[in-house]
């Protein structure tokens, strides 16, 4: 895994760990944490990394509160831990 991908994945998990259960983050928050000056350039990577984390069950990708497929989602997305608490087992 590339250093940027690892940093984004770590940022996503750290941000979610800091939130109350059930709360979401925007992928841009992770991108800003990794590179505050060039975060916009990291957005495609942040969405891709979020998709990978969703694929392995670490997080869920949502739109308007509903879980969506990150590969086909268009527009703003939010990230959260699975509602069933399965992330705690990882």
PDB file of N, CA and C in Angstrom:
ATOM      1  N   UNK A   1       0.858  -1.173   0.000  1.00  0.00           N
ATOM      2  CA  UNK A   1       0.000   0.000   0.000  1.00  0.00           C
ATOM      3  C   UNK A   1       0.908   1.243   0.000  1.00  0.00           C
ATOM      4  N   UNK A   2       0.548   2.204  -0.824  1.00  0.00           N
ATOM      5  CA  UNK A   2       1.316   3.436  -0.911  1.00  0.00           C
ATOM      6  C   UNK A   2       1.247   4.204   0.404  1.00  0.00           C
ATOM      7  N   UNK A   3       2.266   5.023   0.658  1.00  0.00           N
ATOM      8  CA  UNK A   3       2.302   5.801   1.892  1.00  0.00           C
ATOM      9  C   UNK A   3       1.079   6.703   2.033  1.00  0.00           C
ATOM     10  N   UNK A   4       0.672   7.329   0.932  1.00  0.00           N
ATOM     11  CA  UNK A   4      -0.497   8.211   0.982  1.00  0.00           C
ATOM     12  C   UNK A   4      -1.755   7.424   1.305  1.00  0.00           C
ATOM     13  N   UNK A   5      -1.898   6.250   0.686  1.00  0.00           N
ATOM     14  CA  UNK A   5      -3.065   5.414   0.979  1.00  0.00           C
ATOM     15  C   UNK A   5      -3.091   5.006   2.448  1.00  0.00           C
ATOM     16  N   UNK A   6      -1.940   4.628   2.980  1.00  0.00           N
ATOM     17  CA  UNK A   6      -1.866   4.224   4.397  1.00  0.00           C
ATOM     18  C   UNK A   6      -2.219   5.418   5.289  1.00  0.00           C
ATOM     19  N   UNK A   7      -1.703   6.589   4.948  1.00  0.00           N
ATOM     20  CA  UNK A   7      -1.992   7.787   5.743  1.00  0.00           C
ATOM     21  C   UNK A   7      -3.480   8.127   5.701  1.00  0.00           C
ATOM     22  N   UNK A   8      -4.099   7.993   4.536  1.00  0.00           N
ATOM     23  CA  UNK A   8      -5.535   8.266   4.418  1.00  0.00           C
ATOM     24  C   UNK A   8      -6.349   7.247   5.208  1.00  0.00           C
ATOM     25  N   UNK A   9      -5.993   5.976   5.091  1.00  0.00           N
ATOM     26  CA  UNK A   9      -6.710   4.931   5.836  1.00  0.00           C
ATOM     27  C   UNK A   9      -6.576   5.168   7.343  1.00  0.00           C
ATOM     28  N   UNK A  10      -5.371   5.494   7.776  1.00  0.00           N
ATOM     29  CA  UNK A  10      -5.152   5.769   9.202  1.00  0.00           C
ATOM     30  C   UNK A  10      -5.956   6.984   9.651  1.00  0.00           C
ATOM     31  N   UNK A  11      -6.012   8.018   8.799  1.00  0.00           N
ATOM     32  CA  UNK A  11      -6.769   9.228   9.147  1.00  0.00           C
ATOM     33  C   UNK A  11      -8.263   8.938   9.242  1.00  0.00           C
ATOM     34  N   UNK A  12      -8.784   8.147   8.317  1.00  0.00           N
ATOM     35  CA  UNK A  12     -10.214   7.799   8.348  1.00  0.00           C
ATOM     36  C   UNK A  12     -10.544   7.084   9.653  1.00  0.00           C
ATOM     37  N   UNK A  13      -9.753   6.085   9.996  1.00  0.00           N
ATOM     38  CA  UNK A  13     -10.003   5.317  11.220  1.00  0.00           C
ATOM     39  C   UNK A  13      -9.846   6.207  12.457  1.00  0.00           C
ATOM     40  N   UNK A  14      -8.814   7.042  12.485  1.00  0.00           N
ATOM     41  CA  UNK A  14      -8.599   7.915  13.645  1.00  0.00           C
ATOM     42  C   UNK A  14      -9.751   8.907  13.811  1.00  0.00           C
ATOM     43  N   UNK A  15     -10.202   9.475  12.719  1.00  0.00           N
ATOM     44  CA  UNK A  15     -11.315  10.421  12.798  1.00  0.00           C
ATOM     45  C   UNK A  15     -12.588   9.737  13.276  1.00  0.00           C
ATOM     46  N   UNK A  16     -12.850   8.533  12.785  1.00  0.00           N
ATOM     47  CA  UNK A  16     -14.041   7.800  13.228  1.00  0.00           C
ATOM     48  C   UNK A  16     -13.913   7.392  14.693  1.00  0.00           C
ATOM     49  N   UNK A  17     -12.709   7.040  15.110  1.00  0.00           N
ATOM     50  CA  UNK A  17     -12.492   6.688  16.518  1.00  0.00           C
ATOM     51  C   UNK A  17     -12.781   7.874  17.434  1.00  0.00           C
ATOM     52  N   UNK A  18     -12.531   9.076  16.929  1.00  0.00           N
ATOM     53  CA  UNK A  18     -12.748  10.287  17.727  1.00  0.00           C
ATOM     54  C   UNK A  18     -14.216  10.704  17.791  1.00  0.00           C
ATOM     55  N   UNK A  19     -15.062  10.132  16.948  1.00  0.00           N
ATOM     56  CA  UNK A  19     -16.474  10.518  16.894  1.00  0.00           C
ATOM     57  C   UNK A  19     -17.308   9.622  17.785  1.00  0.00           C
ATOM     58  N   UNK A  20     -18.446  10.134  18.185  1.00  0.00           N
ATOM     59  CA  UNK A  20     -19.390   9.321  18.950  1.00  0.00           C
ATOM     60  C   UNK A  20     -19.912   8.209  18.052  1.00  0.00           C
ATOM     61  N   UNK A  21     -20.333   7.126  18.650  1.00  0.00           N
ATOM     62  CA  UNK A  21     -20.859   5.984  17.897  1.00  0.00           C
ATOM     63  C   UNK A  21     -21.960   6.435  16.952  1.00  0.00           C
ATOM     64  N   UNK A  22     -21.879   5.958  15.726  1.00  0.00           N
ATOM     65  CA  UNK A  22     -22.901   6.264  14.734  1.00  0.00           C
ATOM     66  C   UNK A  22     -22.683   7.556  13.971  1.00  0.00           C
ATOM     67  N   UNK A  23     -21.717   8.357  14.371  1.00  0.00           N
ATOM     68  CA  UNK A  23     -21.449   9.620  13.685  1.00  0.00           C
ATOM     69  C   UNK A  23     -20.596   9.374  12.447  1.00  0.00           C
ATOM     70  N   UNK A  24     -20.681  10.297  11.508  1.00  0.00           N
ATOM     71  CA  UNK A  24     -19.990  10.143  10.229  1.00  0.00           C
ATOM     72  C   UNK A  24     -18.911  11.204  10.050  1.00  0.00           C
ATOM     73  N   UNK A  25     -18.050  10.939   9.069  1.00  0.00           N
ATOM     74  CA  UNK A  25     -17.063  11.926   8.638  1.00  0.00           C
ATOM     75  C   UNK A  25     -17.164  12.064   7.129  1.00  0.00           C
ATOM     76  N   UNK A  26     -16.630  13.147   6.629  1.00  0.00           N
ATOM     77  CA  UNK A  26     -16.504  13.358   5.194  1.00  0.00           C
ATOM     78  C   UNK A  26     -15.092  12.916   4.790  1.00  0.00           C
ATOM     79  N   UNK A  27     -14.930  12.292   3.636  1.00  0.00           N
ATOM     80  CA  UNK A  27     -13.580  11.924   3.200  1.00  0.00           C
ATOM     81  C   UNK A  27     -12.625  13.116   3.151  1.00  0.00           C
ATOM     82  N   UNK A  28     -13.169  14.314   2.948  1.00  0.00           N
ATOM     83  CA  UNK A  28     -12.306  15.498   2.896  1.00  0.00           C
ATOM     84  C   UNK A  28     -11.617  15.754   4.234  1.00  0.00           C
ATOM     85  N   UNK A  29     -12.231  15.324   5.333  1.00  0.00           N
ATOM     86  CA  UNK A  29     -11.602  15.494   6.640  1.00  0.00           C
ATOM     87  C   UNK A  29     -10.305  14.693   6.721  1.00  0.00           C
ATOM     88  N   UNK A  30     -10.323  13.479   6.177  1.00  0.00           N
ATOM     89  CA  UNK A  30      -9.116  12.649   6.148  1.00  0.00           C
ATOM     90  C   UNK A  30      -8.070  13.268   5.222  1.00  0.00           C
ATOM     91  N   UNK A  31      -8.505  13.735   4.071  1.00  0.00           N
ATOM     92  CA  UNK A  31      -7.579  14.360   3.128  1.00  0.00           C
ATOM     93  C   UNK A  31      -6.939  15.596   3.758  1.00  0.00           C
ATOM     94  N   UNK A  32      -7.723  16.388   4.460  1.00  0.00           N
ATOM     95  CA  UNK A  32      -7.184  17.587   5.127  1.00  0.00           C
ATOM     96  C   UNK A  32      -6.179  17.215   6.216  1.00  0.00           C
ATOM     97  N   UNK A  33      -6.438  16.114   6.903  1.00  0.00           N
ATOM     98  CA  UNK A  33      -5.519  15.688   7.959  1.00  0.00           C
ATOM     99  C   UNK A  33      -4.180  15.255   7.352  1.00  0.00           C
ATOM    100  N   UNK A  34      -4.234  14.615   6.196  1.00  0.00           N
ATOM    101  CA  UNK A  34      -3.009  14.129   5.556  1.00  0.00           C
ATOM    102  C   UNK A  34      -2.218  15.275   4.913  1.00  0.00           C
ATOM    103  N   UNK A  35      -2.915  16.188   4.251  1.00  0.00           N
ATOM    104  CA  UNK A  35      -2.235  17.314   3.599  1.00  0.00           C
ATOM    105  C   UNK A  35      -3.146  18.537   3.596  1.00  0.00           C
ATOM    106  N   UNK A  36      -3.032  19.366   4.631  1.00  0.00           N
ATOM    107  CA  UNK A  36      -3.929  20.515   4.752  1.00  0.00           C
ATOM    108  C   UNK A  36      -3.865  21.493   3.575  1.00  0.00           C
ATOM    109  N   UNK A  37      -2.741  21.566   2.900  1.00  0.00           N
ATOM    110  CA  UNK A  37      -2.586  22.518   1.809  1.00  0.00           C
ATOM    111  C   UNK A  37      -3.061  21.989   0.463  1.00  0.00           C
ATOM    112  N   UNK A  38      -2.959  20.686   0.252  1.00  0.00           N
ATOM    113  CA  UNK A  38      -3.314  20.107  -1.048  1.00  0.00           C
ATOM    114  C   UNK A  38      -4.386  19.029  -0.904  1.00  0.00           C
ATOM    115  N   UNK A  39      -5.283  19.205   0.057  1.00  0.00           N
ATOM    116  CA  UNK A  39      -6.278  18.164   0.333  1.00  0.00           C
ATOM    117  C   UNK A  39      -7.191  17.891  -0.853  1.00  0.00           C
ATOM    118  N   UNK A  40      -7.490  18.915  -1.642  1.00  0.00           N
ATOM    119  CA  UNK A  40      -8.390  18.700  -2.790  1.00  0.00           C
ATOM    120  C   UNK A  40      -7.801  17.690  -3.781  1.00  0.00           C
ATOM    121  N   UNK A  41      -6.483  17.740  -3.944  1.00  0.00           N
ATOM    122  CA  UNK A  41      -5.817  16.792  -4.838  1.00  0.00           C
ATOM    123  C   UNK A  41      -5.919  15.358  -4.323  1.00  0.00           C
ATOM    124  N   UNK A  42      -6.107  15.199  -3.017  1.00  0.00           N
ATOM    125  CA  UNK A  42      -6.190  13.865  -2.411  1.00  0.00           C
ATOM    126  C   UNK A  42      -7.602  13.277  -2.421  1.00  0.00           C
ATOM    127  N   UNK A  43      -8.586  14.048  -2.816  1.00  0.00           N
ATOM    128  CA  UNK A  43      -9.970  13.575  -2.728  1.00  0.00           C
ATOM    129  C   UNK A  43     -10.230  12.287  -3.521  1.00  0.00           C
ATOM    130  N   UNK A  44      -9.750  12.148  -4.766  1.00  0.00           N
ATOM    131  CA  UNK A  44      -9.976  10.862  -5.445  1.00  0.00           C
ATOM    132  C   UNK A  44      -9.349   9.693  -4.681  1.00  0.00           C
ATOM    133  N   UNK A  45      -8.167   9.924  -4.125  1.00  0.00           N
ATOM    134  CA  UNK A  45      -7.509   8.877  -3.337  1.00  0.00           C
ATOM    135  C   UNK A  45      -8.290   8.576  -2.064  1.00  0.00           C
ATOM    136  N   UNK A  46      -8.792   9.619  -1.403  1.00  0.00           N
ATOM    137  CA  UNK A  46      -9.556   9.421  -0.170  1.00  0.00           C
ATOM    138  C   UNK A  46     -10.813   8.594  -0.438  1.00  0.00           C
ATOM    139  N   UNK A  47     -11.494   8.884  -1.538  1.00  0.00           N
ATOM    140  CA  UNK A  47     -12.695   8.101  -1.887  1.00  0.00           C
ATOM    141  C   UNK A  47     -12.331   6.661  -2.229  1.00  0.00           C
ATOM    142  N   UNK A  48     -11.216   6.478  -2.933  1.00  0.00           N
ATOM    143  CA  UNK A  48     -10.781   5.118  -3.298  1.00  0.00           C
ATOM    144  C   UNK A  48     -10.420   4.323  -2.049  1.00  0.00           C
ATOM    145  N   UNK A  49      -9.664   4.942  -1.144  1.00  0.00           N
ATOM    146  CA  UNK A  49      -9.279   4.265   0.101  1.00  0.00           C
ATOM    147  C   UNK A  49     -10.530   3.954   0.929  1.00  0.00           C
ATOM    148  N   UNK A  50     -11.471   4.878   0.974  1.00  0.00           N
ATOM    149  CA  UNK A  50     -12.729   4.618   1.685  1.00  0.00           C
ATOM    150  C   UNK A  50     -13.448   3.425   1.067  1.00  0.00           C
ATOM    151  N   UNK A  51     -13.433   3.336  -0.247  1.00  0.00           N
ATOM    152  CA  UNK A  51     -14.048   2.192  -0.916  1.00  0.00           C
ATOM    153  C   UNK A  51     -13.383   0.882  -0.541  1.00  0.00           C
ATOM    154  N   UNK A  52     -12.062   0.902  -0.438  1.00  0.00           N
ATOM    155  CA  UNK A  52     -11.342  -0.310  -0.037  1.00  0.00           C
ATOM    156  C   UNK A  52     -11.685  -0.688   1.407  1.00  0.00           C
ATOM    157  N   UNK A  53     -11.737   0.310   2.296  1.00  0.00           N
ATOM    158  CA  UNK A  53     -12.100   0.029   3.691  1.00  0.00           C
ATOM    159  C   UNK A  53     -13.536  -0.478   3.796  1.00  0.00           C
ATOM    160  N   UNK A  54     -14.402   0.034   2.952  1.00  0.00           N
ATOM    161  CA  UNK A  54     -15.786  -0.459   2.935  1.00  0.00           C
ATOM    162  C   UNK A  54     -15.830  -1.890   2.411  1.00  0.00           C
ATOM    163  N   UNK A  55     -15.017  -2.164   1.423  1.00  0.00           N
ATOM    164  CA  UNK A  55     -14.978  -3.510   0.849  1.00  0.00           C
ATOM    165  C   UNK A  55     -14.539  -4.566   1.839  1.00  0.00           C
ATOM    166  N   UNK A  56     -13.649  -4.194   2.760  1.00  0.00           N
ATOM    167  CA  UNK A  56     -13.217  -5.192   3.744  1.00  0.00           C
ATOM    168  C   UNK A  56     -14.034  -5.142   5.035  1.00  0.00           C
ATOM    169  N   UNK A  57     -15.091  -4.292   5.043  1.00  0.00           N
ATOM    170  CA  UNK A  57     -16.006  -4.261   6.175  1.00  0.00           C
ATOM    171  C   UNK A  57     -15.601  -3.360   7.325  1.00  0.00           C
ATOM    172  N   UNK A  58     -14.510  -2.614   7.172  1.00  0.00           N
ATOM    173  CA  UNK A  58     -14.052  -1.732   8.242  1.00  0.00           C
ATOM    174  C   UNK A  58     -14.996  -0.558   8.436  1.00  0.00           C
ATOM    175  N   UNK A  59     -15.496   0.016   7.325  1.00  0.00           N
ATOM    176  CA  UNK A  59     -16.398   1.167   7.377  1.00  0.00           C
ATOM    177  C   UNK A  59     -17.570   0.950   6.424  1.00  0.00           C
ATOM    178  N   UNK A  60     -18.514   1.871   6.487  1.00  0.00           N
ATOM    179  CA  UNK A  60     -19.607   1.931   5.517  1.00  0.00           C
ATOM    180  C   UNK A  60     -19.573   3.299   4.849  1.00  0.00           C
ATOM    181  N   UNK A  61     -19.958   3.313   3.594  1.00  0.00           N
ATOM    182  CA  UNK A  61     -20.077   4.561   2.845  1.00  0.00           C
ATOM    183  C   UNK A  61     -21.569   4.850   2.712  1.00  0.00           C
ATOM    184  N   UNK A  62     -21.957   6.085   3.045  1.00  0.00           N
ATOM    185  CA  UNK A  62     -23.374   6.427   3.020  1.00  0.00           C
ATOM    186  C   UNK A  62     -23.626   7.693   2.205  1.00  0.00           C
ATOM    187  N   UNK A  63     -24.867   7.802   1.753  1.00  0.00           N
ATOM    188  CA  UNK A  63     -25.416   9.021   1.175  1.00  0.00           C
ATOM    189  C   UNK A  63     -26.808   9.169   1.749  1.00  0.00           C
ATOM    190  N   UNK A  64     -27.091  10.345   2.273  1.00  0.00           N
ATOM    191  CA  UNK A  64     -28.388  10.623   2.893  1.00  0.00           C
ATOM    192  C   UNK A  64     -28.767   9.552   3.932  1.00  0.00           C
ATOM    193  N   UNK A  65     -27.760   9.050   4.645  1.00  0.00           N
ATOM    194  CA  UNK A  65     -28.002   8.087   5.707  1.00  0.00           C
ATOM    195  C   UNK A  65     -28.133   6.647   5.269  1.00  0.00           C
ATOM    196  N   UNK A  66     -28.128   6.384   3.967  1.00  0.00           N
ATOM    197  CA  UNK A  66     -28.260   5.024   3.446  1.00  0.00           C
ATOM    198  C   UNK A  66     -26.904   4.505   2.974  1.00  0.00           C
ATOM    199  N   UNK A  67     -26.616   3.240   3.269  1.00  0.00           N
ATOM    200  CA  UNK A  67     -25.371   2.631   2.808  1.00  0.00           C
ATOM    201  C   UNK A  67     -25.415   2.506   1.286  1.00  0.00           C
ATOM    202  N   UNK A  68     -24.321   2.920   0.644  1.00  0.00           N
ATOM    203  CA  UNK A  68     -24.223   2.869  -0.816  1.00  0.00           C
ATOM    204  C   UNK A  68     -22.946   2.161  -1.225  1.00  0.00           C
ATOM    205  N   UNK A  69     -22.913   1.754  -2.468  1.00  0.00           N
ATOM    206  CA  UNK A  69     -21.717   1.159  -3.061  1.00  0.00           C
ATOM    207  C   UNK A  69     -20.765   2.297  -3.419  1.00  0.00           C
ATOM    208  N   UNK A  70     -19.589   2.338  -2.823  1.00  0.00           N
ATOM    209  CA  UNK A  70     -18.688   3.452  -3.102  1.00  0.00           C
ATOM    210  C   UNK A  70     -18.222   3.505  -4.555  1.00  0.00           C
ATOM    211  N   UNK A  71     -18.254   2.390  -5.245  1.00  0.00           N
ATOM    212  CA  UNK A  71     -17.820   2.369  -6.641  1.00  0.00           C
ATOM    213  C   UNK A  71     -18.811   3.076  -7.563  1.00  0.00           C
ATOM    214  N   UNK A  72     -20.069   3.132  -7.163  1.00  0.00           N
ATOM    215  CA  UNK A  72     -21.079   3.747  -8.020  1.00  0.00           C
ATOM    216  C   UNK A  72     -21.663   5.030  -7.447  1.00  0.00           C
ATOM    217  N   UNK A  73     -21.296   5.371  -6.220  1.00  0.00           N
ATOM    218  CA  UNK A  73     -21.834   6.581  -5.583  1.00  0.00           C
ATOM    219  C   UNK A  73     -21.322   7.824  -6.299  1.00  0.00           C
ATOM    220  N   UNK A  74     -22.235   8.722  -6.586  1.00  0.00           N
ATOM    221  CA  UNK A  74     -21.889  10.001  -7.199  1.00  0.00           C
ATOM    222  C   UNK A  74     -22.290  11.109  -6.236  1.00  0.00           C
ATOM    223  N   UNK A  75     -21.473  12.130  -6.158  1.00  0.00           N
ATOM    224  CA  UNK A  75     -21.785  13.229  -5.259  1.00  0.00           C
ATOM    225  C   UNK A  75     -21.224  12.990  -3.874  1.00  0.00           C
ATOM    226  N   UNK A  76     -21.642  13.814  -2.926  1.00  0.00           N
ATOM    227  CA  UNK A  76     -21.102  13.739  -1.562  1.00  0.00           C
ATOM    228  C   UNK A  76     -21.404  12.408  -0.885  1.00  0.00           C
ATOM    229  N   UNK A  77     -20.402  11.909  -0.190  1.00  0.00           N
ATOM    230  CA  UNK A  77     -20.555  10.683   0.599  1.00  0.00           C
ATOM    231  C   UNK A  77     -20.098  10.973   2.019  1.00  0.00           C
ATOM    232  N   UNK A  78     -20.514  10.117   2.925  1.00  0.00           N
ATOM    233  CA  UNK A  78     -20.085  10.166   4.319  1.00  0.00           C
ATOM    234  C   UNK A  78     -19.560   8.781   4.679  1.00  0.00           C
ATOM    235  N   UNK A  79     -18.713   8.728   5.686  1.00  0.00           N
ATOM    236  CA  UNK A  79     -18.110   7.475   6.138  1.00  0.00           C
ATOM    237  C   UNK A  79     -18.463   7.249   7.599  1.00  0.00           C
ATOM    238  N   UNK A  80     -18.722   5.995   7.936  1.00  0.00           N
ATOM    239  CA  UNK A  80     -19.011   5.649   9.333  1.00  0.00           C
ATOM    240  C   UNK A  80     -18.583   4.211   9.570  1.00  0.00           C
ATOM    241  N   UNK A  81     -18.473   3.876  10.862  1.00  0.00           N
ATOM    242  CA  UNK A  81     -18.283   2.478  11.215  1.00  0.00           C
ATOM    243  C   UNK A  81     -19.600   1.754  10.988  1.00  0.00           C
ATOM    244  N   UNK A  82     -19.556   0.454  10.709  1.00  0.00           N
ATOM    245  CA  UNK A  82     -20.785  -0.312  10.535  1.00  0.00           C
ATOM    246  C   UNK A  82     -21.693  -0.181  11.759  1.00  0.00           C
ATOM    247  N   UNK A  83     -22.970  -0.042  11.500  1.00  0.00           N
ATOM    248  CA  UNK A  83     -23.960   0.124  12.568  1.00  0.00           C
ATOM    249  C   UNK A  83     -24.005  -1.069  13.518  1.00  0.00           C
ATOM    250  N   UNK A  84     -23.601  -2.248  13.027  1.00  0.00           N
ATOM    251  CA  UNK A  84     -23.673  -3.441  13.866  1.00  0.00           C
ATOM    252  C   UNK A  84     -22.475  -3.568  14.820  1.00  0.00           C
ATOM    253  N   UNK A  85     -21.546  -2.610  14.769  1.00  0.00           N
ATOM    254  CA  UNK A  85     -20.397  -2.631  15.664  1.00  0.00           C
ATOM    255  C   UNK A  85     -19.324  -3.621  15.279  1.00  0.00           C
ATOM    256  N   UNK A  86     -19.402  -4.180  14.073  1.00  0.00           N
ATOM    257  CA  UNK A  86     -18.446  -5.209  13.672  1.00  0.00           C
ATOM    258  C   UNK A  86     -17.016  -4.698  13.564  1.00  0.00           C
ATOM    259  N   UNK A  87     -16.816  -3.390  13.441  1.00  0.00           N
ATOM    260  CA  UNK A  87     -15.449  -2.852  13.361  1.00  0.00           C
ATOM    261  C   UNK A  87     -14.677  -3.095  14.649  1.00  0.00           C
ATOM    262  N   UNK A  88     -15.365  -3.224  15.756  1.00  0.00           N
ATOM    263  CA  UNK A  88     -14.708  -3.398  17.048  1.00  0.00           C
ATOM    264  C   UNK A  88     -13.960  -4.733  17.114  1.00  0.00           C
ATOM    265  N   UNK A  89     -14.333  -5.675  16.246  1.00  0.00           N
ATOM    266  CA  UNK A  89     -13.698  -6.988  16.250  1.00  0.00           C
ATOM    267  C   UNK A  89     -12.380  -6.997  15.475  1.00  0.00           C
ATOM    268  N   UNK A  90     -12.059  -5.907  14.804  1.00  0.00           N
ATOM    269  CA  UNK A  90     -10.869  -5.875  13.928  1.00  0.00           C
ATOM    270  C   UNK A  90      -9.635  -5.475  14.679  1.00  0.00           C
TER     271      UNK A  90
END
